[in-house]
Structures are given as C-alpha cells and as structure tokens.
PDB file of all heavy atoms in Angstrom:
ATOM      1  N   SER A   1      98.024 112.648 102.898  1.00  0.00           N
ATOM      2  CA  SER A   1      98.779 111.489 102.260  1.00  0.00           C
ATOM      3  C   SER A   1      98.171 110.238 102.793  1.00  0.00           C
ATOM      4  O   SER A   1      98.328 109.805 103.837  1.00  0.00           O
ATOM      5  CB  SER A   1     100.287 111.684 102.593  1.00  0.00           C
ATOM      6  OG  SER A   1     100.791 112.881 102.049  1.00  0.00           O
ATOM      7  N   PRO A   2      97.576 109.479 101.784  1.00  0.00           N
ATOM      8  CA  PRO A   2      96.953 108.314 102.254  1.00  0.00           C
ATOM      9  C   PRO A   2      97.939 107.132 102.625  1.00  0.00           C
ATOM     10  O   PRO A   2      98.914 106.999 101.876  1.00  0.00           O
ATOM     11  CB  PRO A   2      96.072 107.826 100.964  1.00  0.00           C
ATOM     12  CG  PRO A   2      96.079 109.149 100.118  1.00  0.00           C
ATOM     13  CD  PRO A   2      97.339 109.870 100.442  1.00  0.00           C
ATOM     14  N   GLY A   3      97.640 106.394 103.623  1.00  0.00           N
ATOM     15  CA  GLY A   3      98.322 105.129 103.843  1.00  0.00           C
ATOM     16  C   GLY A   3      97.723 104.068 102.960  1.00  0.00           C
ATOM     17  O   GLY A   3      96.428 104.031 102.929  1.00  0.00           O
ATOM     18  N   VAL A   4      98.478 103.383 102.228  1.00  0.00           N
ATOM     19  CA  VAL A   4      97.833 102.318 101.280  1.00  0.00           C
ATOM     20  C   VAL A   4      98.181 100.927 101.836  1.00  0.00           C
ATOM     21  O   VAL A   4      99.264 100.596 102.264  1.00  0.00           O
ATOM     22  CB  VAL A   4      98.548 102.464  99.932  1.00  0.00           C
ATOM     23  CG1 VAL A   4      97.912 101.369  98.963  1.00  0.00           C
ATOM     24  CG2 VAL A   4      98.377 103.860  99.306  1.00  0.00           C
ATOM     25  N   TYR A   5      97.011 100.134 101.981  1.00  0.00           N
ATOM     26  CA  TYR A   5      97.068  98.726 102.677  1.00  0.00           C
ATOM     27  C   TYR A   5      96.698  97.763 101.620  1.00  0.00           C
ATOM     28  O   TYR A   5      95.916  97.999 100.668  1.00  0.00           O
ATOM     29  CB  TYR A   5      96.036  98.727 103.767  1.00  0.00           C
ATOM     30  CG  TYR A   5      96.302  99.670 104.949  1.00  0.00           C
ATOM     31  CD1 TYR A   5      95.984 101.036 104.932  1.00  0.00           C
ATOM     32  CD2 TYR A   5      96.798  99.249 106.112  1.00  0.00           C
ATOM     33  CE1 TYR A   5      96.110 101.955 105.938  1.00  0.00           C
ATOM     34  CE2 TYR A   5      96.947 100.077 107.189  1.00  0.00           C
ATOM     35  CZ  TYR A   5      96.750 101.385 107.071  1.00  0.00           C
ATOM     36  OH  TYR A   5      96.943 102.266 108.038  1.00  0.00           O
ATOM     37  N   ALA A   6      97.288  96.591 101.757  1.00  0.00           N
ATOM     38  CA  ALA A   6      96.860  95.456 100.932  1.00  0.00           C
ATOM     39  C   ALA A   6      95.659  94.778 101.691  1.00  0.00           C
ATOM     40  O   ALA A   6      95.816  94.511 102.805  1.00  0.00           O
ATOM     41  CB  ALA A   6      98.216  94.504 100.761  1.00  0.00           C
ATOM     42  N   TRP A   7      94.715  94.473 100.840  1.00  0.00           N
ATOM     43  CA  TRP A   7      93.449  93.981 101.405  1.00  0.00           C
ATOM     44  C   TRP A   7      92.748  93.071 100.329  1.00  0.00           C
ATOM     45  O   TRP A   7      93.389  92.783  99.322  1.00  0.00           O
ATOM     46  CB  TRP A   7      92.525  95.128 101.713  1.00  0.00           C
ATOM     47  CG  TRP A   7      91.777  94.924 102.987  1.00  0.00           C
ATOM     48  CD1 TRP A   7      90.685  94.136 103.136  1.00  0.00           C
ATOM     49  CD2 TRP A   7      91.924  95.555 104.260  1.00  0.00           C
ATOM     50  NE1 TRP A   7      90.107  94.247 104.393  1.00  0.00           N
ATOM     51  CE2 TRP A   7      90.865  95.117 105.093  1.00  0.00           C
ATOM     52  CE3 TRP A   7      92.848  96.512 104.765  1.00  0.00           C
ATOM     53  CZ2 TRP A   7      90.760  95.581 106.428  1.00  0.00           C
ATOM     54  CZ3 TRP A   7      92.778  96.907 106.021  1.00  0.00           C
ATOM     55  CH2 TRP A   7      91.745  96.439 106.858  1.00  0.00           C
ATOM     56  N   THR A   8      91.582  92.507 100.758  1.00  0.00           N
ATOM     57  CA  THR A   8      90.739  92.007  99.682  1.00  0.00           C
ATOM     58  C   THR A   8      89.356  92.673  99.899  1.00  0.00           C
ATOM     59  O   THR A   8      88.965  93.005 100.936  1.00  0.00           O
ATOM     60  CB  THR A   8      90.481  90.511  99.787  1.00  0.00           C
ATOM     61  OG1 THR A   8      89.935  90.188 101.189  1.00  0.00           O
ATOM     62  CG2 THR A   8      91.889  89.765  99.685  1.00  0.00           C
ATOM     63  N   ALA A   9      88.842  93.022  98.663  1.00  0.00           N
ATOM     64  CA  ALA A   9      87.476  93.540  98.667  1.00  0.00           C
ATOM     65  C   ALA A   9      86.626  92.757  97.687  1.00  0.00           C
ATOM     66  O   ALA A   9      87.087  92.481  96.499  1.00  0.00           O
ATOM     67  CB  ALA A   9      87.599  95.020  98.137  1.00  0.00           C
ATOM     68  N   ASN A  10      85.467  92.241  98.183  1.00  0.00           N
ATOM     69  CA  ASN A  10      84.546  91.405  97.299  1.00  0.00           C
ATOM     70  C   ASN A  10      85.379  90.279  96.823  1.00  0.00           C
ATOM     71  O   ASN A  10      85.085  89.675  95.731  1.00  0.00           O
ATOM     72  CB  ASN A  10      84.012  92.227  96.130  1.00  0.00           C
ATOM     73  CG  ASN A  10      83.105  93.303  96.627  1.00  0.00           C
ATOM     74  OD1 ASN A  10      83.612  94.393  97.144  1.00  0.00           O
ATOM     75  ND2 ASN A  10      81.853  93.188  96.489  1.00  0.00           N
ATOM     76  N   GLY A  11      86.258  89.753  97.670  1.00  0.00           N
ATOM     77  CA  GLY A  11      87.051  88.508  97.347  1.00  0.00           C
ATOM     78  C   GLY A  11      88.273  88.774  96.420  1.00  0.00           C
ATOM     79  O   GLY A  11      88.963  87.798  96.122  1.00  0.00           O
ATOM     80  N   ASP A  12      88.434  89.980  95.885  1.00  0.00           N
ATOM     81  CA  ASP A  12      89.467  90.310  94.964  1.00  0.00           C
ATOM     82  C   ASP A  12      90.717  91.057  95.611  1.00  0.00           C
ATOM     83  O   ASP A  12      90.443  91.722  96.644  1.00  0.00           O
ATOM     84  CB  ASP A  12      88.992  91.208  93.852  1.00  0.00           C
ATOM     85  CG  ASP A  12      87.987  90.573  92.997  1.00  0.00           C
ATOM     86  OD1 ASP A  12      88.022  89.287  92.631  1.00  0.00           O
ATOM     87  OD2 ASP A  12      87.001  91.269  92.556  1.00  0.00           O
ATOM     88  N   PRO A  13      91.851  90.844  95.174  1.00  0.00           N
ATOM     89  CA  PRO A  13      93.014  91.586  95.754  1.00  0.00           C
ATOM     90  C   PRO A  13      92.677  93.059  95.586  1.00  0.00           C
ATOM     91  O   PRO A  13      92.128  93.505  94.564  1.00  0.00           O
ATOM     92  CB  PRO A  13      94.130  91.151  94.805  1.00  0.00           C
ATOM     93  CG  PRO A  13      93.834  89.904  94.181  1.00  0.00           C
ATOM     94  CD  PRO A  13      92.305  89.948  94.160  1.00  0.00           C
ATOM     95  N   ALA A  14      92.959  93.912  96.654  1.00  0.00           N
ATOM     96  CA  ALA A  14      92.580  95.230  96.562  1.00  0.00           C
ATOM     97  C   ALA A  14      93.577  96.111  97.356  1.00  0.00           C
ATOM     98  O   ALA A  14      94.221  95.697  98.421  1.00  0.00           O
ATOM     99  CB  ALA A  14      91.219  95.496  97.213  1.00  0.00           C
ATOM    100  N   ALA A  15      93.700  97.320  96.819  1.00  0.00           N
ATOM    101  CA  ALA A  15      94.694  98.305  97.643  1.00  0.00           C
ATOM    102  C   ALA A  15      93.638  99.324  98.205  1.00  0.00           C
ATOM    103  O   ALA A  15      92.757  99.809  97.546  1.00  0.00           O
ATOM    104  CB  ALA A  15      95.520  99.070  96.679  1.00  0.00           C
ATOM    105  N   VAL A  16      93.709  99.534  99.544  1.00  0.00           N
ATOM    106  CA  VAL A  16      92.837 100.406 100.236  1.00  0.00           C
ATOM    107  C   VAL A  16      93.655 101.579 100.728  1.00  0.00           C
ATOM    108  O   VAL A  16      94.710 101.525 101.445  1.00  0.00           O
ATOM    109  CB  VAL A  16      92.262  99.751 101.474  1.00  0.00           C
ATOM    110  CG1 VAL A  16      91.221 100.570 102.196  1.00  0.00           C
ATOM    111  CG2 VAL A  16      91.463  98.503 100.952  1.00  0.00           C
ATOM    112  N   ALA A  17      93.178 102.846 100.284  1.00  0.00           N
ATOM    113  CA  ALA A  17      93.896 104.048 100.671  1.00  0.00           C
ATOM    114  C   ALA A  17      93.115 104.639 101.869  1.00  0.00           C
ATOM    115  O   ALA A  17      91.818 104.847 101.776  1.00  0.00           O
ATOM    116  CB  ALA A  17      93.979 105.073  99.509  1.00  0.00           C
ATOM    117  N   VAL A  18      93.803 105.157 102.867  1.00  0.00           N
ATOM    118  CA  VAL A  18      93.237 105.635 104.078  1.00  0.00           C
ATOM    119  C   VAL A  18      93.809 106.842 104.601  1.00  0.00           C
ATOM    120  O   VAL A  18      95.124 106.931 104.623  1.00  0.00           O
ATOM    121  CB  VAL A  18      93.281 104.468 105.269  1.00  0.00           C
ATOM    122  CG1 VAL A  18      92.528 104.979 106.480  1.00  0.00           C
ATOM    123  CG2 VAL A  18      92.669 103.175 104.745  1.00  0.00           C
ATOM    124  N   VAL A  19      93.051 107.871 104.898  1.00  0.00           N
ATOM    125  CA  VAL A  19      93.510 109.157 105.474  1.00  0.00           C
ATOM    126  C   VAL A  19      92.852 109.412 106.793  1.00  0.00           C
ATOM    127  O   VAL A  19      91.601 109.449 106.885  1.00  0.00           O
ATOM    128  CB  VAL A  19      93.249 110.343 104.568  1.00  0.00           C
ATOM    129  CG1 VAL A  19      93.648 111.702 105.245  1.00  0.00           C
ATOM    130  CG2 VAL A  19      93.935 110.281 103.276  1.00  0.00           C
ATOM    131  N   ASP A  20      93.614 109.352 107.843  1.00  0.00           N
ATOM    132  CA  ASP A  20      93.036 109.671 109.231  1.00  0.00           C
ATOM    133  C   ASP A  20      91.860 108.721 109.596  1.00  0.00           C
ATOM    134  O   ASP A  20      90.795 109.149 110.091  1.00  0.00           O
ATOM    135  CB  ASP A  20      92.581 111.152 109.293  1.00  0.00           C
ATOM    136  CG  ASP A  20      93.671 112.106 109.238  1.00  0.00           C
ATOM    137  OD1 ASP A  20      94.914 111.763 109.610  1.00  0.00           O
ATOM    138  OD2 ASP A  20      93.373 113.252 108.801  1.00  0.00           O
ATOM    139  N   GLY A  21      92.081 107.453 109.194  1.00  0.00           N
ATOM    140  CA  GLY A  21      91.107 106.400 109.590  1.00  0.00           C
ATOM    141  C   GLY A  21      89.863 106.327 108.656  1.00  0.00           C
ATOM    142  O   GLY A  21      88.981 105.503 108.780  1.00  0.00           O
ATOM    143  N   ARG A  22      89.864 107.188 107.642  1.00  0.00           N
ATOM    144  CA  ARG A  22      88.857 107.288 106.642  1.00  0.00           C
ATOM    145  C   ARG A  22      89.356 106.770 105.280  1.00  0.00           C
ATOM    146  O   ARG A  22      90.259 107.093 104.718  1.00  0.00           O
ATOM    147  CB  ARG A  22      88.458 108.702 106.443  1.00  0.00           C
ATOM    148  CG  ARG A  22      87.299 108.993 105.379  1.00  0.00           C
ATOM    149  CD  ARG A  22      86.936 110.433 105.410  1.00  0.00           C
ATOM    150  NE  ARG A  22      88.092 111.364 105.355  1.00  0.00           N
ATOM    151  CZ  ARG A  22      88.608 111.809 104.171  1.00  0.00           C
ATOM    152  NH1 ARG A  22      87.988 111.423 102.940  1.00  0.00           N
ATOM    153  NH2 ARG A  22      89.557 112.696 104.150  1.00  0.00           N
ATOM    154  N   VAL A  23      88.591 105.785 104.782  1.00  0.00           N
ATOM    155  CA  VAL A  23      88.899 105.063 103.475  1.00  0.00           C
ATOM    156  C   VAL A  23      88.527 106.068 102.432  1.00  0.00           C
ATOM    157  O   VAL A  23      87.434 106.537 102.319  1.00  0.00           O
ATOM    158  CB  VAL A  23      88.107 103.768 103.299  1.00  0.00           C
ATOM    159  CG1 VAL A  23      88.400 103.164 101.836  1.00  0.00           C
ATOM    160  CG2 VAL A  23      88.565 102.734 104.373  1.00  0.00           C
ATOM    161  N   VAL A  24      89.568 106.434 101.674  1.00  0.00           N
ATOM    162  CA  VAL A  24      89.402 107.383 100.541  1.00  0.00           C
ATOM    163  C   VAL A  24      89.425 106.745  99.087  1.00  0.00           C
ATOM    164  O   VAL A  24      89.086 107.383  98.032  1.00  0.00           O
ATOM    165  CB  VAL A  24      90.300 108.596 100.565  1.00  0.00           C
ATOM    166  CG1 VAL A  24      90.186 109.330 101.870  1.00  0.00           C
ATOM    167  CG2 VAL A  24      91.731 108.063 100.513  1.00  0.00           C
ATOM    168  N   GLY A  25      89.751 105.451  99.071  1.00  0.00           N
ATOM    169  CA  GLY A  25      89.719 104.797  97.834  1.00  0.00           C
ATOM    170  C   GLY A  25      89.981 103.325  97.990  1.00  0.00           C
ATOM    171  O   GLY A  25      90.698 102.872  98.937  1.00  0.00           O
ATOM    172  N   VAL A  26      89.338 102.430  97.105  1.00  0.00           N
ATOM    173  CA  VAL A  26      89.484 101.074  97.040  1.00  0.00           C
ATOM    174  C   VAL A  26      89.707 100.734  95.753  1.00  0.00           C
ATOM    175  O   VAL A  26      88.900 100.928  94.802  1.00  0.00           O
ATOM    176  CB  VAL A  26      88.306 100.305  97.719  1.00  0.00           C
ATOM    177  CG1 VAL A  26      88.529  98.769  97.446  1.00  0.00           C
ATOM    178  CG2 VAL A  26      88.025 100.622  99.157  1.00  0.00           C
ATOM    179  N   MET A  27      90.895 100.079  95.361  1.00  0.00           N
ATOM    180  CA  MET A  27      91.264  99.637  94.016  1.00  0.00           C
ATOM    181  C   MET A  27      91.271  98.185  93.996  1.00  0.00           C
ATOM    182  O   MET A  27      92.061  97.521  94.551  1.00  0.00           O
ATOM    183  CB  MET A  27      92.783 100.206  93.746  1.00  0.00           C
ATOM    184  CG  MET A  27      93.297  99.765  92.323  1.00  0.00           C
ATOM    185  SD  MET A  27      94.962 100.414  92.031  1.00  0.00           S
ATOM    186  CE  MET A  27      94.601 102.201  91.760  1.00  0.00           C
ATOM    187  N   CYS A  28      90.347  97.645  93.208  1.00  0.00           N
ATOM    188  CA  CYS A  28      90.177  96.151  93.067  1.00  0.00           C
ATOM    189  C   CYS A  28      90.846  95.765  91.870  1.00  0.00           C
ATOM    190  O   CYS A  28      90.649  96.267  90.735  1.00  0.00           O
ATOM    191  CB  CYS A  28      88.702  95.891  93.049  1.00  0.00           C
ATOM    192  SG  CYS A  28      87.823  96.251  94.626  1.00  0.00           S
ATOM    193  N   LEU A  29      91.574  94.567  91.963  1.00  0.00           N
ATOM    194  CA  LEU A  29      92.341  94.075  90.803  1.00  0.00           C
ATOM    195  C   LEU A  29      91.563  92.771  90.340  1.00  0.00           C
ATOM    196  O   LEU A  29      91.321  91.759  91.141  1.00  0.00           O
ATOM    197  CB  LEU A  29      93.752  93.672  91.205  1.00  0.00           C
ATOM    198  CG  LEU A  29      94.553  94.842  91.868  1.00  0.00           C
ATOM    199  CD1 LEU A  29      95.893  94.377  92.248  1.00  0.00           C
ATOM    200  CD2 LEU A  29      94.560  96.066  90.991  1.00  0.00           C
ATOM    201  N   GLN A  30      91.093  92.745  89.040  1.00  0.00           N
ATOM    202  CA  GLN A  30      90.668  91.494  88.522  1.00  0.00           C
ATOM    203  C   GLN A  30      91.769  90.705  87.966  1.00  0.00           C
ATOM    204  O   GLN A  30      92.425  91.074  86.991  1.00  0.00           O
ATOM    205  CB  GLN A  30      89.620  91.787  87.438  1.00  0.00           C
ATOM    206  CG  GLN A  30      89.100  90.490  86.887  1.00  0.00           C
ATOM    207  CD  GLN A  30      88.024  90.845  85.730  1.00  0.00           C
ATOM    208  OE1 GLN A  30      87.684  92.016  85.449  1.00  0.00           O
ATOM    209  NE2 GLN A  30      87.664  89.742  84.987  1.00  0.00           N
TER     210      GLN A  30
END
C-alpha cells in the first residue's frame, strides 16, 4: 500500500507514491 506524499516535481505540484522507501509513482499536475 503506497504512502502518498505532497511534493513538487519539475516545479509542478505532484503526488508521490512510495512503498518501502521506493518511489512507485509520480503524478504531476499542470
């Protein structure tokens, strides 16, 4: 079950999903 964090990626708002310290998804919002 990924933990979902609020972040920025490439300067854009992003949701980062992490499982056991491993990033499994980055969702960037334009």
